Amino acid sequence: MAVIKTIDLVGVSTTSWRDAATKALAEAGRTLRGIEGFDVIETSAQVEDNEIAEYHTHVRIRFRLDR
């Protein structure tokens, strides 16, 4: 029987929401094995001087527990 666990991360980028999601996935991949996918939960941005300063992408990463 398989069990899949999830963790939530927020990636941050000065380029795009896609880049922020990629950074969150890369960080998770450093310590997790068996990543199967992720869902984008929310996107947001920090604004400075009426321009986007940082893109934030909240992702929920799914990985299979290895017992």
PDB file of N, CA and C in Angstrom:
ATOM      1  N   MET A   1       0.852  -1.180   0.000  1.00  0.00           N
ATOM      2  CA  MET A   1       0.000   0.000   0.000  1.00  0.00           C
ATOM      3  C   MET A   1       0.895   1.239   0.000  1.00  0.00           C
ATOM      4  N   ALA A   2       0.567   2.193  -0.819  1.00  0.00           N
ATOM      5  CA  ALA A   2       1.344   3.427  -0.927  1.00  0.00           C
ATOM      6  C   ALA A   2       0.694   4.548  -0.124  1.00  0.00           C
ATOM      7  N   VAL A   3       1.545   5.407   0.363  1.00  0.00           N
ATOM      8  CA  VAL A   3       1.083   6.613   1.045  1.00  0.00           C
ATOM      9  C   VAL A   3       1.785   7.794   0.403  1.00  0.00           C
ATOM     10  N   ILE A   4       1.017   8.814   0.065  1.00  0.00           N
ATOM     11  CA  ILE A   4       1.574  10.015  -0.535  1.00  0.00           C
ATOM     12  C   ILE A   4       1.428  11.153   0.462  1.00  0.00           C
ATOM     13  N   LYS A   5       2.515  11.860   0.669  1.00  0.00           N
ATOM     14  CA  LYS A   5       2.534  12.992   1.591  1.00  0.00           C
ATOM     15  C   LYS A   5       2.638  14.278   0.778  1.00  0.00           C
ATOM     16  N   THR A   6       2.175  15.378   1.361  1.00  0.00           N
ATOM     17  CA  THR A   6       2.298  16.678   0.692  1.00  0.00           C
ATOM     18  C   THR A   6       2.991  17.672   1.620  1.00  0.00           C
ATOM     19  N   ILE A   7       3.700  18.601   1.000  1.00  0.00           N
ATOM     20  CA  ILE A   7       4.241  19.739   1.740  1.00  0.00           C
ATOM     21  C   ILE A   7       3.933  20.989   0.924  1.00  0.00           C
ATOM     22  N   ASP A   8       3.770  22.094   1.601  1.00  0.00           N
ATOM     23  CA  ASP A   8       3.530  23.369   0.953  1.00  0.00           C
ATOM     24  C   ASP A   8       4.792  24.213   1.015  1.00  0.00           C
ATOM     25  N   LEU A   9       5.136  24.817  -0.110  1.00  0.00           N
ATOM     26  CA  LEU A   9       6.279  25.725  -0.195  1.00  0.00           C
ATOM     27  C   LEU A   9       5.855  26.953  -0.983  1.00  0.00           C
ATOM     28  N   VAL A  10       6.536  28.062  -0.741  1.00  0.00           N
ATOM     29  CA  VAL A  10       6.340  29.268  -1.541  1.00  0.00           C
ATOM     30  C   VAL A  10       7.670  29.613  -2.189  1.00  0.00           C
ATOM     31  N   GLY A  11       7.705  29.518  -3.513  1.00  0.00           N
ATOM     32  CA  GLY A  11       8.894  29.910  -4.261  1.00  0.00           C
ATOM     33  C   GLY A  11       8.856  31.401  -4.517  1.00  0.00           C
ATOM     34  N   VAL A  12      10.032  32.013  -4.581  1.00  0.00           N
ATOM     35  CA  VAL A  12      10.143  33.457  -4.784  1.00  0.00           C
ATOM     36  C   VAL A  12      11.075  33.716  -5.957  1.00  0.00           C
ATOM     37  N   SER A  13      10.676  34.644  -6.835  1.00  0.00           N
ATOM     38  CA  SER A  13      11.487  34.986  -7.999  1.00  0.00           C
ATOM     39  C   SER A  13      11.306  36.458  -8.344  1.00  0.00           C
ATOM     40  N   THR A  14      12.316  37.029  -8.946  1.00  0.00           N
ATOM     41  CA  THR A  14      12.184  38.397  -9.462  1.00  0.00           C
ATOM     42  C   THR A  14      11.832  38.383 -10.949  1.00  0.00           C
ATOM     43  N   THR A  15      11.681  37.169 -11.515  1.00  0.00           N
ATOM     44  CA  THR A  15      11.432  37.018 -12.949  1.00  0.00           C
ATOM     45  C   THR A  15       9.975  36.717 -13.297  1.00  0.00           C
ATOM     46  N   SER A  16       9.413  35.638 -12.671  1.00  0.00           N
ATOM     47  CA  SER A  16       8.056  35.214 -13.042  1.00  0.00           C
ATOM     48  C   SER A  16       7.499  34.246 -11.998  1.00  0.00           C
ATOM     49  N   TRP A  17       6.173  33.999 -12.091  1.00  0.00           N
ATOM     50  CA  TRP A  17       5.545  33.023 -11.215  1.00  0.00           C
ATOM     51  C   TRP A  17       6.035  31.613 -11.567  1.00  0.00           C
ATOM     52  N   ARG A  18       6.241  31.368 -12.852  1.00  0.00           N
ATOM     53  CA  ARG A  18       6.753  30.059 -13.280  1.00  0.00           C
ATOM     54  C   ARG A  18       8.137  29.797 -12.689  1.00  0.00           C
ATOM     55  N   ASP A  19       9.001  30.788 -12.728  1.00  0.00           N
ATOM     56  CA  ASP A  19      10.340  30.649 -12.160  1.00  0.00           C
ATOM     57  C   ASP A  19      10.262  30.416 -10.655  1.00  0.00           C
ATOM     58  N   ALA A  20       9.338  31.071  -9.990  1.00  0.00           N
ATOM     59  CA  ALA A  20       9.161  30.880  -8.549  1.00  0.00           C
ATOM     60  C   ALA A  20       8.739  29.441  -8.250  1.00  0.00           C
ATOM     61  N   ALA A  21       7.832  28.881  -9.055  1.00  0.00           N
ATOM     62  CA  ALA A  21       7.404  27.491  -8.871  1.00  0.00           C
ATOM     63  C   ALA A  21       8.568  26.539  -9.114  1.00  0.00           C
ATOM     64  N   THR A  22       9.366  26.818 -10.141  1.00  0.00           N
ATOM     65  CA  THR A  22      10.530  25.991 -10.455  1.00  0.00           C
ATOM     66  C   THR A  22      11.528  26.001  -9.304  1.00  0.00           C
ATOM     67  N   LYS A  23      11.723  27.152  -8.693  1.00  0.00           N
ATOM     68  CA  LYS A  23      12.646  27.252  -7.561  1.00  0.00           C
ATOM     69  C   LYS A  23      12.143  26.466  -6.359  1.00  0.00           C
ATOM     70  N   ALA A  24      10.846  26.507  -6.110  1.00  0.00           N
ATOM     71  CA  ALA A  24      10.277  25.731  -4.992  1.00  0.00           C
ATOM     72  C   ALA A  24      10.464  24.238  -5.235  1.00  0.00           C
ATOM     73  N   LEU A  25      10.223  23.785  -6.458  1.00  0.00           N
ATOM     74  CA  LEU A  25      10.396  22.373  -6.792  1.00  0.00           C
ATOM     75  C   LEU A  25      11.859  21.960  -6.665  1.00  0.00           C
ATOM     76  N   ALA A  26      12.771  22.791  -7.132  1.00  0.00           N
ATOM     77  CA  ALA A  26      14.199  22.480  -7.041  1.00  0.00           C
ATOM     78  C   ALA A  26      14.637  22.363  -5.580  1.00  0.00           C
ATOM     79  N   GLU A  27      14.149  23.242  -4.744  1.00  0.00           N
ATOM     80  CA  GLU A  27      14.506  23.193  -3.317  1.00  0.00           C
ATOM     81  C   GLU A  27      13.972  21.915  -2.673  1.00  0.00           C
ATOM     82  N   ALA A  28      12.748  21.543  -2.991  1.00  0.00           N
ATOM     83  CA  ALA A  28      12.174  20.316  -2.446  1.00  0.00           C
ATOM     84  C   ALA A  28      12.973  19.102  -2.911  1.00  0.00           C
ATOM     85  N   GLY A  29      13.417  19.123  -4.152  1.00  0.00           N
ATOM     86  CA  GLY A  29      14.165  18.005  -4.712  1.00  0.00           C
ATOM     87  C   GLY A  29      15.514  17.769  -4.055  1.00  0.00           C
ATOM     88  N   ARG A  30      16.003  18.743  -3.325  1.00  0.00           N
ATOM     89  CA  ARG A  30      17.285  18.574  -2.624  1.00  0.00           C
ATOM     90  C   ARG A  30      17.185  17.608  -1.449  1.00  0.00           C
ATOM     91  N   THR A  31      16.004  17.505  -0.852  1.00  0.00           N
ATOM     92  CA  THR A  31      15.869  16.656   0.335  1.00  0.00           C
ATOM     93  C   THR A  31      14.796  15.578   0.212  1.00  0.00           C
ATOM     94  N   LEU A  32      13.916  15.676  -0.762  1.00  0.00           N
ATOM     95  CA  LEU A  32      12.832  14.698  -0.902  1.00  0.00           C
ATOM     96  C   LEU A  32      13.097  13.753  -2.066  1.00  0.00           C
ATOM     97  N   ARG A  33      12.736  12.491  -1.863  1.00  0.00           N
ATOM     98  CA  ARG A  33      12.777  11.516  -2.955  1.00  0.00           C
ATOM     99  C   ARG A  33      11.350  11.185  -3.340  1.00  0.00           C
ATOM    100  N   GLY A  34      11.164  10.742  -4.555  1.00  0.00           N
ATOM    101  CA  GLY A  34       9.856  10.264  -4.984  1.00  0.00           C
ATOM    102  C   GLY A  34       8.837  11.351  -5.243  1.00  0.00           C
ATOM    103  N   ILE A  35       9.288  12.550  -5.631  1.00  0.00           N
ATOM    104  CA  ILE A  35       8.330  13.613  -5.957  1.00  0.00           C
ATOM    105  C   ILE A  35       7.547  13.186  -7.193  1.00  0.00           C
ATOM    106  N   GLU A  36       6.229  13.246  -7.079  1.00  0.00           N
ATOM    107  CA  GLU A  36       5.359  12.810  -8.174  1.00  0.00           C
ATOM    108  C   GLU A  36       4.678  13.951  -8.904  1.00  0.00           C
ATOM    109  N   GLY A  37       4.583  15.103  -8.278  1.00  0.00           N
ATOM    110  CA  GLY A  37       3.923  16.231  -8.922  1.00  0.00           C
ATOM    111  C   GLY A  37       3.665  17.332  -7.920  1.00  0.00           C
ATOM    112  N   PHE A  38       3.070  18.406  -8.423  1.00  0.00           N
ATOM    113  CA  PHE A  38       2.683  19.483  -7.521  1.00  0.00           C
ATOM    114  C   PHE A  38       1.507  20.244  -8.098  1.00  0.00           C
ATOM    115  N   ASP A  39       0.806  20.927  -7.214  1.00  0.00           N
ATOM    116  CA  ASP A  39      -0.312  21.790  -7.593  1.00  0.00           C
ATOM    117  C   ASP A  39       0.051  23.216  -7.241  1.00  0.00           C
ATOM    118  N   VAL A  40      -0.301  24.132  -8.112  1.00  0.00           N
ATOM    119  CA  VAL A  40      -0.145  25.548  -7.793  1.00  0.00           C
ATOM    120  C   VAL A  40      -1.380  25.962  -7.013  1.00  0.00           C
ATOM    121  N   ILE A  41      -1.174  26.369  -5.788  1.00  0.00           N
ATOM    122  CA  ILE A  41      -2.271  26.738  -4.902  1.00  0.00           C
ATOM    123  C   ILE A  41      -2.635  28.209  -5.078  1.00  0.00           C
ATOM    124  N   GLU A  42      -1.604  29.049  -5.203  1.00  0.00           N
ATOM    125  CA  GLU A  42      -1.859  30.491  -5.256  1.00  0.00           C
ATOM    126  C   GLU A  42      -0.637  31.195  -5.840  1.00  0.00           C
ATOM    127  N   THR A  43      -0.889  32.281  -6.521  1.00  0.00           N
ATOM    128  CA  THR A  43       0.193  33.158  -6.952  1.00  0.00           C
ATOM    129  C   THR A  43      -0.078  34.547  -6.382  1.00  0.00           C
ATOM    130  N   SER A  44       1.007  35.232  -6.051  1.00  0.00           N
ATOM    131  CA  SER A  44       0.884  36.591  -5.529  1.00  0.00           C
ATOM    132  C   SER A  44       2.172  37.330  -5.859  1.00  0.00           C
ATOM    133  N   ALA A  45       2.209  38.595  -5.502  1.00  0.00           N
ATOM    134  CA  ALA A  45       3.394  39.390  -5.808  1.00  0.00           C
ATOM    135  C   ALA A  45       3.585  40.474  -4.766  1.00  0.00           C
ATOM    136  N   GLN A  46       4.845  40.849  -4.573  1.00  0.00           N
ATOM    137  CA  GLN A  46       5.215  41.994  -3.753  1.00  0.00           C
ATOM    138  C   GLN A  46       5.409  43.170  -4.707  1.00  0.00           C
ATOM    139  N   VAL A  47       4.886  44.316  -4.338  1.00  0.00           N
ATOM    140  CA  VAL A  47       4.954  45.496  -5.194  1.00  0.00           C
ATOM    141  C   VAL A  47       5.779  46.587  -4.528  1.00  0.00           C
ATOM    142  N   GLU A  48       6.659  47.182  -5.319  1.00  0.00           N
ATOM    143  CA  GLU A  48       7.436  48.338  -4.869  1.00  0.00           C
ATOM    144  C   GLU A  48       7.401  49.390  -5.972  1.00  0.00           C
ATOM    145  N   ASP A  49       7.086  50.615  -5.621  1.00  0.00           N
ATOM    146  CA  ASP A  49       7.014  51.721  -6.584  1.00  0.00           C
ATOM    147  C   ASP A  49       6.117  51.385  -7.772  1.00  0.00           C
ATOM    148  N   ASN A  50       4.969  50.773  -7.485  1.00  0.00           N
ATOM    149  CA  ASN A  50       3.961  50.421  -8.491  1.00  0.00           C
ATOM    150  C   ASN A  50       4.434  49.411  -9.527  1.00  0.00           C
ATOM    151  N   GLU A  51       5.451  48.637  -9.198  1.00  0.00           N
ATOM    152  CA  GLU A  51       5.926  47.578 -10.089  1.00  0.00           C
ATOM    153  C   GLU A  51       6.137  46.301  -9.278  1.00  0.00           C
ATOM    154  N   ILE A  52       6.026  45.162  -9.949  1.00  0.00           N
ATOM    155  CA  ILE A  52       6.234  43.889  -9.269  1.00  0.00           C
ATOM    156  C   ILE A  52       7.712  43.738  -8.926  1.00  0.00           C
ATOM    157  N   ALA A  53       7.981  43.563  -7.647  1.00  0.00           N
ATOM    158  CA  ALA A  53       9.352  43.382  -7.178  1.00  0.00           C
ATOM    159  C   ALA A  53       9.685  41.897  -7.012  1.00  0.00           C
ATOM    160  N   GLU A  54       8.698  41.107  -6.558  1.00  0.00           N
ATOM    161  CA  GLU A  54       8.890  39.670  -6.373  1.00  0.00           C
ATOM    162  C   GLU A  54       7.612  38.930  -6.732  1.00  0.00           C
ATOM    163  N   TYR A  55       7.784  37.806  -7.410  1.00  0.00           N
ATOM    164  CA  TYR A  55       6.682  36.898  -7.722  1.00  0.00           C
ATOM    165  C   TYR A  55       6.720  35.770  -6.699  1.00  0.00           C
ATOM    166  N   HIS A  56       5.564  35.437  -6.125  1.00  0.00           N
ATOM    167  CA  HIS A  56       5.467  34.353  -5.147  1.00  0.00           C
ATOM    168  C   HIS A  56       4.514  33.299  -5.704  1.00  0.00           C
ATOM    169  N   THR A  57       4.935  32.038  -5.664  1.00  0.00           N
ATOM    170  CA  THR A  57       4.079  30.937  -6.096  1.00  0.00           C
ATOM    171  C   THR A  57       4.010  29.902  -4.980  1.00  0.00           C
ATOM    172  N   HIS A  58       2.809  29.707  -4.461  1.00  0.00           N
ATOM    173  CA  HIS A  58       2.546  28.730  -3.400  1.00  0.00           C
ATOM    174  C   HIS A  58       2.236  27.399  -4.084  1.00  0.00           C
ATOM    175  N   VAL A  59       3.061  26.381  -3.819  1.00  0.00           N
ATOM    176  CA  VAL A  59       2.861  25.071  -4.424  1.00  0.00           C
ATOM    177  C   VAL A  59       2.688  24.010  -3.342  1.00  0.00           C
ATOM    178  N   ARG A  60       1.924  22.981  -3.674  1.00  0.00           N
ATOM    179  CA  ARG A  60       1.765  21.814  -2.800  1.00  0.00           C
ATOM    180  C   ARG A  60       2.410  20.640  -3.535  1.00  0.00           C
ATOM    181  N   ILE A  61       3.506  20.148  -2.979  1.00  0.00           N
ATOM    182  CA  ILE A  61       4.302  19.106  -3.622  1.00  0.00           C
ATOM    183  C   ILE A  61       3.894  17.749  -3.060  1.00  0.00           C
ATOM    184  N   ARG A  62       3.687  16.781  -3.977  1.00  0.00           N
ATOM    185  CA  ARG A  62       3.293  15.423  -3.605  1.00  0.00           C
ATOM    186  C   ARG A  62       4.485  14.474  -3.771  1.00  0.00           C
ATOM    187  N   PHE A  63       4.727  13.663  -2.736  1.00  0.00           N
ATOM    188  CA  PHE A  63       5.773  12.659  -2.858  1.00  0.00           C
ATOM    189  C   PHE A  63       5.367  11.393  -2.129  1.00  0.00           C
ATOM    190  N   ARG A  64       5.836  10.285  -2.655  1.00  0.00           N
ATOM    191  CA  ARG A  64       5.514   8.969  -2.116  1.00  0.00           C
ATOM    192  C   ARG A  64       6.439   8.638  -0.961  1.00  0.00           C
ATOM    193  N   LEU A  65       5.862   8.186   0.146  1.00  0.00           N
ATOM    194  CA  LEU A  65       6.667   7.787   1.299  1.00  0.00           C
ATOM    195  C   LEU A  65       7.334   6.449   1.002  1.00  0.00           C
ATOM    196  N   ASP A  66       8.608   6.378   1.292  1.00  0.00           N
ATOM    197  CA  ASP A  66       9.392   5.172   1.062  1.00  0.00           C
ATOM    198  C   ASP A  66       9.589   4.463   2.393  1.00  0.00           C
ATOM    199  N   ARG A  67       8.939   3.353   2.578  1.00  0.00           N
ATOM    200  CA  ARG A  67       9.005   2.638   3.861  1.00  0.00           C
ATOM    201  C   ARG A  67       9.892   1.417   3.741  1.00  0.00           C
TER     202      ARG A  67
END
